[in-house]
Amino acid sequence: MKLYTVNDPEFRPYGRVMKGYDCTELVRAMGETPVPEDVIYVPSDARLEALPVFRKITEDLFGELPAQLGYCNGHNTRLNALEYHRSSEFNVACTDLVLLLGLEQEIDPETLTYDTAKVKGFFVPAGTMIEVYGTTLHYAPCHTGEEGFRCVVLLHKDTNLDLQHKPCCPQGEERLLFARNKWLLAHPEAGLEDQGAYIGLTGENLDIG
């Protein structure tokens, strides 16, 4: 598939590059986080949240609402699923990585399915901070080198944690609710159905490898 960069105009419907934030210390601390052969996601990391930059970006980007700073690391080349939140997500690429993105508006409202042919790939250079809009479909990053990827994830507090009250008879969009503030469409090849994921991606399970 064709890859754009987050500096290309094609990225504008999905998010924006953030300027004016010194993430040097954050990237350095991320160097001590694990990079497994699969993918690990940690919603909230106490060491990262103790850094002065966490307070600044929380005040600036979330207007002092509670936030959490964690990371997603590992090795991955496939799409597997797409999720969205009711709020923006902020990422800092600590290594070069690729994000596979779509638009919530393109989900078929009748079938709650999404054709993966609509997905676009965006290269995010190491050291870049971006905002991913709440209407942007996204999932785990893809690595570009053998060392894997490291990516900071900043979200509203408790996003992606387990649901306290799962809908007993989900209808409509409720069928996509996978975790707190997390609506997800999985590809049938991803193996997420056993975890309760809604199988809503049609077409190829894209692989940049």
N, C-alpha and C. Protein backbone atom coordinates (compact mmCIF):
# COMPACT_ATOMS: atom_id res chain seq x y z
N MET A 1 0.83 -1.19 0.00
CA MET A 1 0.00 0.00 0.00
C MET A 1 0.87 1.25 0.00
N LYS A 2 0.33 2.34 -0.53
CA LYS A 2 1.07 3.59 -0.54
C LYS A 2 1.13 4.15 0.86
N LEU A 3 2.31 4.64 1.26
CA LEU A 3 2.47 5.26 2.56
C LEU A 3 2.65 6.77 2.40
N TYR A 4 1.85 7.51 3.16
CA TYR A 4 2.04 8.95 3.28
C TYR A 4 2.84 9.21 4.55
N THR A 5 3.13 10.47 4.83
CA THR A 5 3.71 10.84 6.13
C THR A 5 2.73 11.76 6.83
N VAL A 6 2.90 11.90 8.13
CA VAL A 6 2.00 12.77 8.90
C VAL A 6 2.21 14.24 8.55
N ASN A 7 3.24 14.54 7.77
CA ASN A 7 3.46 15.91 7.32
C ASN A 7 2.80 16.19 5.98
N ASP A 8 2.21 15.17 5.37
CA ASP A 8 1.50 15.35 4.10
C ASP A 8 0.09 15.87 4.35
N PRO A 9 -0.49 16.59 3.38
CA PRO A 9 -1.86 17.10 3.56
C PRO A 9 -2.89 15.98 3.71
N GLU A 10 -2.59 14.78 3.24
CA GLU A 10 -3.52 13.66 3.38
C GLU A 10 -3.79 13.29 4.82
N PHE A 11 -2.92 13.73 5.74
CA PHE A 11 -3.09 13.40 7.16
C PHE A 11 -4.11 14.29 7.84
N ARG A 12 -4.46 15.42 7.25
CA ARG A 12 -5.27 16.43 7.93
C ARG A 12 -6.64 15.93 8.40
N PRO A 13 -7.33 15.06 7.66
CA PRO A 13 -8.62 14.58 8.19
C PRO A 13 -8.48 13.68 9.41
N TYR A 14 -7.28 13.16 9.63
CA TYR A 14 -7.06 12.16 10.68
C TYR A 14 -6.44 12.74 11.95
N GLY A 15 -5.67 13.81 11.80
CA GLY A 15 -4.98 14.35 12.96
C GLY A 15 -4.08 15.51 12.58
N ARG A 16 -3.15 15.83 13.47
CA ARG A 16 -2.22 16.93 13.21
C ARG A 16 -0.92 16.67 13.95
N VAL A 17 0.14 17.25 13.43
CA VAL A 17 1.45 17.20 14.09
C VAL A 17 1.50 18.30 15.14
N MET A 18 1.93 17.94 16.35
CA MET A 18 1.98 18.89 17.46
C MET A 18 3.37 19.51 17.55
N LYS A 19 3.42 20.80 17.67
CA LYS A 19 4.68 21.53 17.78
C LYS A 19 4.80 22.17 19.17
N GLY A 20 6.02 22.44 19.58
CA GLY A 20 6.25 23.22 20.79
C GLY A 20 6.34 22.42 22.07
N TYR A 21 6.40 21.09 21.98
CA TYR A 21 6.52 20.26 23.18
C TYR A 21 7.86 19.54 23.17
N ASP A 22 8.61 19.72 24.23
CA ASP A 22 9.92 19.06 24.35
C ASP A 22 9.71 17.68 24.97
N CYS A 23 9.77 16.67 24.16
CA CYS A 23 9.52 15.30 24.62
C CYS A 23 10.81 14.50 24.78
N THR A 24 11.96 15.21 24.84
CA THR A 24 13.25 14.54 24.93
C THR A 24 13.32 13.60 26.12
N GLU A 25 12.92 14.10 27.29
CA GLU A 25 12.98 13.30 28.51
C GLU A 25 12.02 12.13 28.44
N LEU A 26 10.86 12.34 27.83
CA LEU A 26 9.87 11.29 27.69
C LEU A 26 10.39 10.19 26.77
N VAL A 27 10.98 10.56 25.66
CA VAL A 27 11.54 9.57 24.73
C VAL A 27 12.68 8.80 25.39
N ARG A 28 13.48 9.50 26.19
CA ARG A 28 14.57 8.83 26.90
C ARG A 28 14.04 7.80 27.89
N ALA A 29 13.01 8.16 28.63
CA ALA A 29 12.41 7.22 29.59
C ALA A 29 11.78 6.03 28.87
N MET A 30 11.21 6.27 27.70
CA MET A 30 10.61 5.18 26.94
C MET A 30 11.65 4.16 26.49
N GLY A 31 12.91 4.58 26.43
CA GLY A 31 13.98 3.66 26.05
C GLY A 31 14.15 2.51 27.03
N GLU A 32 13.58 2.64 28.24
CA GLU A 32 13.68 1.59 29.24
C GLU A 32 12.46 0.67 29.26
N THR A 33 11.49 0.93 28.39
CA THR A 33 10.29 0.11 28.34
C THR A 33 10.50 -1.08 27.41
N PRO A 34 9.82 -2.21 27.66
CA PRO A 34 10.05 -3.43 26.89
C PRO A 34 9.50 -3.34 25.47
N VAL A 35 10.12 -4.08 24.56
CA VAL A 35 9.64 -4.20 23.19
C VAL A 35 9.50 -5.69 22.88
N PRO A 36 8.35 -6.27 23.15
CA PRO A 36 8.17 -7.71 22.94
C PRO A 36 8.04 -8.07 21.46
N GLU A 37 8.04 -9.36 21.18
CA GLU A 37 7.90 -9.83 19.80
C GLU A 37 6.49 -9.63 19.28
N ASP A 38 5.52 -9.51 20.21
CA ASP A 38 4.15 -9.20 19.79
C ASP A 38 3.88 -7.73 20.12
N VAL A 39 2.77 -7.40 20.72
CA VAL A 39 2.45 -6.02 21.07
C VAL A 39 2.02 -5.94 22.52
N ILE A 40 2.54 -4.96 23.25
CA ILE A 40 2.13 -4.71 24.63
C ILE A 40 1.55 -3.30 24.71
N TYR A 41 0.46 -3.17 25.47
CA TYR A 41 -0.13 -1.85 25.70
C TYR A 41 -0.28 -1.64 27.19
N VAL A 42 0.28 -0.55 27.69
CA VAL A 42 0.18 -0.17 29.10
C VAL A 42 -0.54 1.17 29.16
N PRO A 43 -1.79 1.20 29.66
CA PRO A 43 -2.56 2.45 29.64
C PRO A 43 -1.95 3.57 30.47
N SER A 44 -1.36 3.22 31.62
CA SER A 44 -0.85 4.23 32.54
C SER A 44 0.46 3.72 33.15
N ASP A 45 1.52 4.50 32.99
CA ASP A 45 2.83 4.14 33.53
C ASP A 45 3.27 5.21 34.53
N ALA A 46 3.46 4.81 35.77
CA ALA A 46 3.76 5.77 36.84
C ALA A 46 5.06 6.53 36.59
N ARG A 47 6.06 5.88 36.03
CA ARG A 47 7.34 6.57 35.78
C ARG A 47 7.17 7.66 34.73
N LEU A 48 6.43 7.38 33.69
CA LEU A 48 6.20 8.39 32.65
C LEU A 48 5.34 9.54 33.19
N GLU A 49 4.36 9.20 34.00
CA GLU A 49 3.46 10.23 34.52
C GLU A 49 4.13 11.10 35.58
N ALA A 50 5.28 10.68 36.08
CA ALA A 50 6.03 11.48 37.05
C ALA A 50 6.89 12.54 36.37
N LEU A 51 7.02 12.48 35.05
CA LEU A 51 7.84 13.44 34.33
C LEU A 51 7.11 14.79 34.24
N PRO A 52 7.85 15.90 34.33
CA PRO A 52 7.21 17.23 34.27
C PRO A 52 6.39 17.46 33.00
N VAL A 53 6.79 16.84 31.88
CA VAL A 53 6.09 17.07 30.63
C VAL A 53 4.66 16.54 30.70
N PHE A 54 4.40 15.54 31.55
CA PHE A 54 3.04 14.99 31.65
C PHE A 54 2.08 16.05 32.15
N ARG A 55 2.48 16.82 33.16
CA ARG A 55 1.60 17.87 33.67
C ARG A 55 1.33 18.93 32.61
N LYS A 56 2.39 19.31 31.89
CA LYS A 56 2.23 20.36 30.88
C LYS A 56 1.29 19.93 29.77
N ILE A 57 1.51 18.73 29.22
CA ILE A 57 0.67 18.32 28.10
C ILE A 57 -0.76 18.02 28.55
N THR A 58 -0.92 17.59 29.82
CA THR A 58 -2.27 17.37 30.32
C THR A 58 -3.03 18.68 30.45
N GLU A 59 -2.36 19.70 30.99
CA GLU A 59 -3.00 21.00 31.13
C GLU A 59 -3.31 21.62 29.77
N ASP A 60 -2.37 21.50 28.85
CA ASP A 60 -2.52 22.13 27.54
C ASP A 60 -3.52 21.39 26.66
N LEU A 61 -3.42 20.07 26.63
CA LEU A 61 -4.16 19.29 25.64
C LEU A 61 -5.48 18.75 26.14
N PHE A 62 -5.64 18.60 27.45
CA PHE A 62 -6.89 18.10 28.00
C PHE A 62 -7.59 19.11 28.90
N GLY A 63 -7.07 20.34 28.94
CA GLY A 63 -7.72 21.38 29.73
C GLY A 63 -7.88 21.00 31.20
N GLU A 64 -6.87 20.31 31.74
CA GLU A 64 -6.82 19.88 33.14
C GLU A 64 -7.78 18.74 33.47
N LEU A 65 -8.42 18.15 32.48
CA LEU A 65 -9.19 16.93 32.75
C LEU A 65 -8.22 15.79 33.06
N PRO A 66 -8.64 14.81 33.86
CA PRO A 66 -7.75 13.69 34.19
C PRO A 66 -7.31 12.95 32.92
N ALA A 67 -6.03 12.61 32.88
CA ALA A 67 -5.47 11.93 31.72
C ALA A 67 -4.55 10.81 32.18
N GLN A 68 -4.18 9.97 31.25
CA GLN A 68 -3.26 8.87 31.55
C GLN A 68 -2.20 8.83 30.46
N LEU A 69 -0.98 8.51 30.88
CA LEU A 69 0.15 8.45 29.96
C LEU A 69 0.74 7.05 30.02
N GLY A 70 0.68 6.36 28.90
CA GLY A 70 1.21 5.01 28.83
C GLY A 70 1.93 4.80 27.51
N TYR A 71 1.97 3.54 27.07
CA TYR A 71 2.70 3.26 25.84
C TYR A 71 2.19 2.00 25.16
N CYS A 72 2.48 1.93 23.88
CA CYS A 72 2.24 0.73 23.08
C CYS A 72 3.54 0.41 22.36
N ASN A 73 4.10 -0.76 22.64
CA ASN A 73 5.39 -1.17 22.08
C ASN A 73 5.28 -2.55 21.44
N GLY A 74 6.24 -2.86 20.58
CA GLY A 74 6.29 -4.23 20.09
C GLY A 74 6.67 -4.34 18.63
N HIS A 75 6.25 -5.48 18.05
CA HIS A 75 6.47 -5.77 16.64
C HIS A 75 5.12 -6.09 16.01
N ASN A 76 4.82 -5.43 14.92
CA ASN A 76 3.54 -5.65 14.25
C ASN A 76 3.62 -5.10 12.84
N THR A 77 2.98 -5.78 11.90
CA THR A 77 2.91 -5.29 10.53
C THR A 77 1.48 -5.32 9.99
N ARG A 78 0.52 -5.80 10.78
CA ARG A 78 -0.83 -6.03 10.26
C ARG A 78 -1.85 -5.06 10.87
N LEU A 79 -2.95 -4.89 10.16
CA LEU A 79 -4.02 -4.02 10.63
C LEU A 79 -4.77 -4.63 11.82
N ASN A 80 -5.34 -5.81 11.63
CA ASN A 80 -6.04 -6.62 12.64
C ASN A 80 -7.35 -6.02 13.16
N ALA A 81 -7.39 -4.74 13.45
CA ALA A 81 -8.60 -4.11 13.99
C ALA A 81 -8.50 -2.61 13.85
N LEU A 82 -9.62 -1.94 14.07
CA LEU A 82 -9.66 -0.48 14.12
C LEU A 82 -10.55 -0.08 15.28
N GLU A 83 -10.13 0.94 16.02
CA GLU A 83 -10.89 1.42 17.16
C GLU A 83 -11.03 2.93 17.08
N TYR A 84 -11.97 3.45 17.87
CA TYR A 84 -12.08 4.90 18.02
C TYR A 84 -12.52 5.22 19.43
N HIS A 85 -12.29 6.48 19.83
CA HIS A 85 -12.66 6.97 21.15
C HIS A 85 -13.57 8.17 21.00
N ARG A 86 -14.10 8.65 22.10
CA ARG A 86 -14.89 9.87 22.09
C ARG A 86 -14.02 11.10 22.37
N SER A 87 -12.73 10.92 22.27
CA SER A 87 -11.79 12.01 22.52
C SER A 87 -10.52 11.74 21.73
N SER A 88 -9.72 12.78 21.55
CA SER A 88 -8.47 12.62 20.82
C SER A 88 -7.48 11.78 21.60
N GLU A 89 -6.57 11.18 20.86
CA GLU A 89 -5.43 10.46 21.43
C GLU A 89 -4.17 11.17 20.95
N PHE A 90 -3.20 11.31 21.84
CA PHE A 90 -1.93 11.93 21.48
C PHE A 90 -0.83 10.87 21.54
N ASN A 91 -0.01 10.85 20.51
CA ASN A 91 1.08 9.88 20.43
C ASN A 91 2.41 10.59 20.26
N VAL A 92 3.45 10.01 20.83
CA VAL A 92 4.83 10.41 20.55
C VAL A 92 5.53 9.19 20.00
N ALA A 93 6.00 9.28 18.77
CA ALA A 93 6.73 8.17 18.16
C ALA A 93 8.16 8.20 18.69
N CYS A 94 8.51 7.19 19.47
CA CYS A 94 9.87 7.11 20.03
C CYS A 94 10.81 6.38 19.09
N THR A 95 10.24 5.69 18.11
CA THR A 95 10.96 5.11 16.99
C THR A 95 10.16 5.46 15.74
N ASP A 96 10.75 5.29 14.59
CA ASP A 96 9.95 5.37 13.38
C ASP A 96 8.83 4.34 13.45
N LEU A 97 7.65 4.68 12.97
CA LEU A 97 6.54 3.73 12.96
C LEU A 97 5.53 4.14 11.91
N VAL A 98 4.59 3.24 11.65
CA VAL A 98 3.52 3.48 10.67
C VAL A 98 2.17 3.29 11.36
N LEU A 99 1.24 4.21 11.13
CA LEU A 99 -0.13 4.08 11.62
C LEU A 99 -1.05 3.81 10.43
N LEU A 100 -1.94 2.83 10.59
CA LEU A 100 -2.96 2.52 9.60
C LEU A 100 -4.27 3.13 10.08
N LEU A 101 -4.83 4.07 9.32
CA LEU A 101 -5.92 4.90 9.81
C LEU A 101 -7.13 4.88 8.88
N GLY A 102 -8.30 5.08 9.48
CA GLY A 102 -9.54 5.24 8.74
C GLY A 102 -10.36 6.33 9.39
N LEU A 103 -11.60 6.50 8.91
CA LEU A 103 -12.48 7.54 9.42
C LEU A 103 -13.78 6.92 9.93
N GLU A 104 -14.18 7.32 11.13
CA GLU A 104 -15.43 6.82 11.71
C GLU A 104 -16.61 7.10 10.78
N GLN A 105 -16.58 8.23 10.10
CA GLN A 105 -17.68 8.60 9.21
C GLN A 105 -17.87 7.61 8.07
N GLU A 106 -16.85 6.81 7.78
CA GLU A 106 -16.92 5.86 6.67
C GLU A 106 -17.42 4.48 7.09
N ILE A 107 -17.70 4.29 8.38
CA ILE A 107 -18.33 3.04 8.82
C ILE A 107 -19.74 2.98 8.25
N ASP A 108 -20.11 1.85 7.66
CA ASP A 108 -21.45 1.70 7.12
C ASP A 108 -22.46 1.73 8.26
N PRO A 109 -23.36 2.71 8.31
CA PRO A 109 -24.27 2.84 9.45
C PRO A 109 -25.30 1.72 9.54
N GLU A 110 -25.55 1.04 8.43
CA GLU A 110 -26.55 -0.04 8.43
C GLU A 110 -25.95 -1.35 8.91
N THR A 111 -24.76 -1.67 8.44
CA THR A 111 -24.14 -2.97 8.76
C THR A 111 -23.07 -2.87 9.82
N LEU A 112 -22.65 -1.63 10.17
CA LEU A 112 -21.55 -1.41 11.11
C LEU A 112 -20.30 -2.16 10.66
N THR A 113 -20.01 -2.05 9.37
CA THR A 113 -18.81 -2.65 8.81
C THR A 113 -17.95 -1.56 8.17
N TYR A 114 -16.69 -1.88 7.98
CA TYR A 114 -15.75 -0.94 7.39
C TYR A 114 -14.86 -1.69 6.41
N ASP A 115 -14.78 -1.19 5.19
CA ASP A 115 -13.98 -1.80 4.14
C ASP A 115 -12.53 -1.36 4.31
N THR A 116 -11.62 -2.31 4.50
CA THR A 116 -10.22 -1.97 4.76
C THR A 116 -9.54 -1.32 3.56
N ALA A 117 -10.18 -1.37 2.39
CA ALA A 117 -9.61 -0.70 1.22
C ALA A 117 -9.57 0.82 1.42
N LYS A 118 -10.34 1.32 2.38
CA LYS A 118 -10.38 2.75 2.66
C LYS A 118 -9.26 3.20 3.59
N VAL A 119 -8.53 2.26 4.18
CA VAL A 119 -7.48 2.58 5.14
C VAL A 119 -6.29 3.22 4.43
N LYS A 120 -5.71 4.23 5.07
CA LYS A 120 -4.48 4.86 4.59
C LYS A 120 -3.36 4.65 5.61
N GLY A 121 -2.14 4.50 5.11
CA GLY A 121 -0.99 4.32 5.97
C GLY A 121 -0.17 5.60 6.06
N PHE A 122 0.29 5.93 7.29
CA PHE A 122 1.05 7.15 7.53
C PHE A 122 2.33 6.84 8.30
N PHE A 123 3.45 7.26 7.74
CA PHE A 123 4.74 7.13 8.40
C PHE A 123 4.91 8.24 9.42
N VAL A 124 5.29 7.87 10.66
CA VAL A 124 5.51 8.84 11.73
C VAL A 124 6.99 8.78 12.12
N PRO A 125 7.78 9.80 11.82
CA PRO A 125 9.20 9.76 12.16
C PRO A 125 9.44 9.80 13.66
N ALA A 126 10.50 9.16 14.09
CA ALA A 126 10.86 9.17 15.51
C ALA A 126 10.98 10.60 16.03
N GLY A 127 10.44 10.83 17.24
CA GLY A 127 10.48 12.14 17.86
C GLY A 127 9.29 13.01 17.55
N THR A 128 8.38 12.53 16.70
CA THR A 128 7.21 13.32 16.30
C THR A 128 6.06 13.11 17.28
N MET A 129 5.41 14.20 17.67
CA MET A 129 4.21 14.14 18.49
C MET A 129 3.01 14.48 17.62
N ILE A 130 1.96 13.67 17.69
CA ILE A 130 0.78 13.89 16.87
C ILE A 130 -0.49 13.80 17.71
N GLU A 131 -1.53 14.45 17.22
CA GLU A 131 -2.87 14.25 17.73
C GLU A 131 -3.62 13.37 16.74
N VAL A 132 -4.28 12.33 17.24
CA VAL A 132 -5.16 11.49 16.43
C VAL A 132 -6.58 11.81 16.87
N TYR A 133 -7.37 12.37 15.96
CA TYR A 133 -8.70 12.84 16.33
C TYR A 133 -9.61 11.71 16.80
N GLY A 134 -10.61 12.07 17.61
CA GLY A 134 -11.53 11.08 18.14
C GLY A 134 -12.31 10.35 17.06
N THR A 135 -12.46 10.94 15.89
CA THR A 135 -13.18 10.31 14.79
C THR A 135 -12.27 9.47 13.89
N THR A 136 -11.01 9.35 14.28
CA THR A 136 -10.06 8.58 13.48
C THR A 136 -10.00 7.14 13.96
N LEU A 137 -10.16 6.22 13.04
CA LEU A 137 -10.02 4.80 13.34
C LEU A 137 -8.54 4.46 13.34
N HIS A 138 -8.10 3.75 14.36
CA HIS A 138 -6.69 3.43 14.50
C HIS A 138 -6.55 2.16 15.32
N TYR A 139 -5.34 1.64 15.40
CA TYR A 139 -5.07 0.49 16.27
C TYR A 139 -3.57 0.47 16.54
N ALA A 140 -3.00 -0.67 16.82
CA ALA A 140 -1.58 -0.74 17.16
C ALA A 140 -0.71 -0.27 16.00
N PRO A 141 0.36 0.47 16.29
CA PRO A 141 1.28 0.87 15.23
C PRO A 141 1.96 -0.33 14.57
N CYS A 142 2.59 -0.07 13.45
CA CYS A 142 3.41 -1.07 12.76
C CYS A 142 4.88 -0.64 12.83
N HIS A 143 5.76 -1.60 12.98
CA HIS A 143 7.19 -1.28 13.05
C HIS A 143 7.77 -1.14 11.64
N THR A 144 8.89 -0.45 11.56
CA THR A 144 9.57 -0.26 10.28
C THR A 144 10.96 -0.88 10.28
N GLY A 145 11.43 -1.33 11.42
CA GLY A 145 12.76 -1.92 11.52
C GLY A 145 12.74 -3.11 12.46
N GLU A 146 13.82 -3.88 12.46
CA GLU A 146 13.88 -5.10 13.26
C GLU A 146 13.78 -4.83 14.75
N GLU A 147 14.09 -3.61 15.18
CA GLU A 147 14.06 -3.29 16.62
C GLU A 147 12.64 -3.12 17.14
N GLY A 148 11.63 -3.10 16.25
CA GLY A 148 10.26 -2.92 16.69
C GLY A 148 9.90 -1.45 16.84
N PHE A 149 8.80 -1.18 17.53
CA PHE A 149 8.36 0.20 17.70
C PHE A 149 8.11 0.50 19.18
N ARG A 150 8.26 1.77 19.52
CA ARG A 150 7.87 2.32 20.81
C ARG A 150 7.03 3.56 20.57
N CYS A 151 5.86 3.62 21.21
CA CYS A 151 4.94 4.74 20.98
C CYS A 151 4.27 5.15 22.28
N VAL A 152 4.39 6.43 22.64
CA VAL A 152 3.71 6.99 23.80
C VAL A 152 2.23 7.17 23.47
N VAL A 153 1.36 6.87 24.43
CA VAL A 153 -0.09 7.00 24.24
C VAL A 153 -0.66 7.83 25.39
N LEU A 154 -1.22 8.99 25.05
CA LEU A 154 -1.84 9.87 26.04
C LEU A 154 -3.33 9.96 25.74
N LEU A 155 -4.15 9.62 26.74
CA LEU A 155 -5.60 9.56 26.57
C LEU A 155 -6.31 10.07 27.83
N HIS A 156 -7.61 10.33 27.70
CA HIS A 156 -8.40 10.60 28.89
C HIS A 156 -8.30 9.43 29.85
N LYS A 157 -8.28 9.73 31.14
CA LYS A 157 -8.09 8.71 32.16
C LYS A 157 -9.15 7.61 32.07
N ASP A 158 -8.71 6.38 32.25
CA ASP A 158 -9.52 5.16 32.25
C ASP A 158 -9.90 4.67 30.86
N THR A 159 -9.51 5.38 29.81
CA THR A 159 -9.75 4.88 28.46
C THR A 159 -9.03 3.55 28.27
N ASN A 160 -9.70 2.62 27.62
CA ASN A 160 -9.18 1.27 27.30
C ASN A 160 -9.18 0.31 28.48
N LEU A 161 -9.64 0.75 29.65
CA LEU A 161 -9.74 -0.17 30.77
C LEU A 161 -11.00 -1.02 30.61
N ASP A 162 -11.10 -2.10 31.41
CA ASP A 162 -12.25 -3.00 31.30
C ASP A 162 -13.55 -2.27 31.62
N LEU A 163 -14.61 -2.65 30.91
CA LEU A 163 -15.93 -2.09 31.17
C LEU A 163 -16.43 -2.53 32.54
N GLN A 164 -17.07 -1.63 33.26
CA GLN A 164 -17.69 -1.99 34.53
C GLN A 164 -19.07 -2.58 34.32
N HIS A 165 -19.74 -2.16 33.28
CA HIS A 165 -21.10 -2.63 33.01
C HIS A 165 -21.23 -2.92 31.51
N LYS A 166 -21.07 -4.16 31.12
CA LYS A 166 -21.21 -4.52 29.72
C LYS A 166 -22.70 -4.60 29.36
N PRO A 167 -23.08 -4.07 28.19
CA PRO A 167 -24.47 -4.16 27.76
C PRO A 167 -24.91 -5.63 27.68
N CYS A 168 -26.06 -5.94 28.27
CA CYS A 168 -26.52 -7.33 28.28
C CYS A 168 -27.05 -7.76 26.92
N CYS A 169 -27.72 -6.85 26.21
CA CYS A 169 -28.26 -7.15 24.88
C CYS A 169 -27.90 -6.01 23.95
N PRO A 170 -26.63 -5.94 23.56
CA PRO A 170 -26.16 -4.78 22.78
C PRO A 170 -26.87 -4.65 21.44
N GLN A 171 -27.20 -3.42 21.11
CA GLN A 171 -27.84 -3.10 19.84
C GLN A 171 -27.05 -1.96 19.19
N GLY A 172 -27.08 -1.90 17.89
CA GLY A 172 -26.42 -0.81 17.19
C GLY A 172 -24.96 -0.66 17.57
N GLU A 173 -24.55 0.59 17.81
CA GLU A 173 -23.15 0.87 18.10
C GLU A 173 -22.68 0.21 19.40
N GLU A 174 -23.60 -0.13 20.28
CA GLU A 174 -23.21 -0.81 21.52
C GLU A 174 -22.44 -2.10 21.24
N ARG A 175 -22.70 -2.71 20.09
CA ARG A 175 -22.01 -3.95 19.74
C ARG A 175 -20.52 -3.74 19.55
N LEU A 176 -20.13 -2.51 19.28
CA LEU A 176 -18.72 -2.19 19.06
C LEU A 176 -17.99 -1.85 20.35
N LEU A 177 -18.72 -1.62 21.44
CA LEU A 177 -18.09 -1.19 22.69
C LEU A 177 -17.28 -2.34 23.28
N PHE A 178 -15.96 -2.15 23.31
CA PHE A 178 -15.04 -3.22 23.69
C PHE A 178 -14.39 -2.97 25.04
N ALA A 179 -14.21 -1.72 25.40
CA ALA A 179 -13.62 -1.32 26.68
C ALA A 179 -14.09 0.12 26.94
N ARG A 180 -13.67 0.68 28.06
CA ARG A 180 -14.10 2.04 28.37
C ARG A 180 -13.60 3.01 27.30
N ASN A 181 -14.53 3.80 26.79
CA ASN A 181 -14.20 4.80 25.77
C ASN A 181 -13.48 4.17 24.57
N LYS A 182 -13.85 2.94 24.23
CA LYS A 182 -13.18 2.22 23.14
C LYS A 182 -14.21 1.41 22.36
N TRP A 183 -14.44 1.84 21.11
CA TRP A 183 -15.32 1.12 20.20
C TRP A 183 -14.45 0.48 19.14
N LEU A 184 -14.64 -0.82 18.87
CA LEU A 184 -13.67 -1.56 18.07
C LEU A 184 -14.35 -2.43 17.02
N LEU A 185 -13.75 -2.43 15.82
CA LEU A 185 -14.13 -3.34 14.75
C LEU A 185 -12.93 -4.21 14.44
N ALA A 186 -13.09 -5.51 14.55
CA ALA A 186 -11.98 -6.44 14.35
C ALA A 186 -12.09 -7.11 12.99
N HIS A 187 -10.95 -7.56 12.49
CA HIS A 187 -10.91 -8.36 11.27
C HIS A 187 -11.07 -9.82 11.65
N PRO A 188 -11.77 -10.61 10.84
CA PRO A 188 -11.97 -12.02 11.19
C PRO A 188 -10.68 -12.82 11.34
N GLU A 189 -9.58 -12.35 10.74
CA GLU A 189 -8.31 -13.07 10.85
C GLU A 189 -7.52 -12.69 12.09
N ALA A 190 -8.01 -11.73 12.87
CA ALA A 190 -7.22 -11.21 14.00
C ALA A 190 -7.32 -12.07 15.25
N GLY A 191 -8.32 -12.95 15.33
CA GLY A 191 -8.46 -13.79 16.51
C GLY A 191 -8.99 -13.07 17.72
N LEU A 192 -9.71 -11.97 17.53
CA LEU A 192 -10.22 -11.19 18.65
C LEU A 192 -11.66 -11.51 19.01
N GLU A 193 -12.29 -12.37 18.20
CA GLU A 193 -13.70 -12.69 18.45
C GLU A 193 -13.90 -13.35 19.80
N ASP A 194 -12.95 -14.18 20.21
CA ASP A 194 -13.05 -14.86 21.50
C ASP A 194 -12.99 -13.89 22.67
N GLN A 195 -12.46 -12.70 22.42
CA GLN A 195 -12.39 -11.68 23.47
C GLN A 195 -13.63 -10.77 23.47
N GLY A 196 -14.59 -11.10 22.62
CA GLY A 196 -15.81 -10.32 22.57
C GLY A 196 -15.81 -9.20 21.56
N ALA A 197 -14.81 -9.18 20.67
CA ALA A 197 -14.73 -8.11 19.69
C ALA A 197 -15.77 -8.29 18.60
N TYR A 198 -16.27 -7.18 18.10
CA TYR A 198 -17.23 -7.18 17.00
C TYR A 198 -16.46 -7.33 15.69
N ILE A 199 -16.82 -8.31 14.89
CA ILE A 199 -16.14 -8.53 13.63
C ILE A 199 -16.80 -7.62 12.59
N GLY A 200 -16.12 -6.49 12.34
CA GLY A 200 -16.72 -5.47 11.50
C GLY A 200 -15.85 -5.02 10.34
N LEU A 201 -14.63 -5.57 10.21
CA LEU A 201 -13.77 -5.19 9.10
C LEU A 201 -13.94 -6.17 7.95
N THR A 202 -14.19 -5.65 6.78
CA THR A 202 -14.30 -6.47 5.59
C THR A 202 -13.12 -6.15 4.66
N GLY A 203 -12.80 -7.10 3.80
CA GLY A 203 -11.67 -6.91 2.90
C GLY A 203 -10.42 -7.51 3.49
N GLU A 204 -9.29 -7.10 2.95
CA GLU A 204 -7.99 -7.67 3.32
C GLU A 204 -7.54 -7.19 4.69
N ASN A 205 -6.92 -8.10 5.45
CA ASN A 205 -6.25 -7.70 6.68
C ASN A 205 -4.89 -7.15 6.29
N LEU A 206 -4.81 -5.85 6.11
CA LEU A 206 -3.64 -5.21 5.51
C LEU A 206 -2.36 -5.55 6.26
N ASP A 207 -1.29 -5.74 5.50
CA ASP A 207 0.01 -6.11 6.07
C ASP A 207 1.08 -5.29 5.35
N ILE A 208 1.82 -4.48 6.08
CA ILE A 208 2.86 -3.64 5.46
C ILE A 208 4.21 -4.36 5.42
N GLY A 209 4.25 -5.57 5.97
CA GLY A 209 5.51 -6.30 6.03
C GLY A 209 6.00 -6.78 4.66
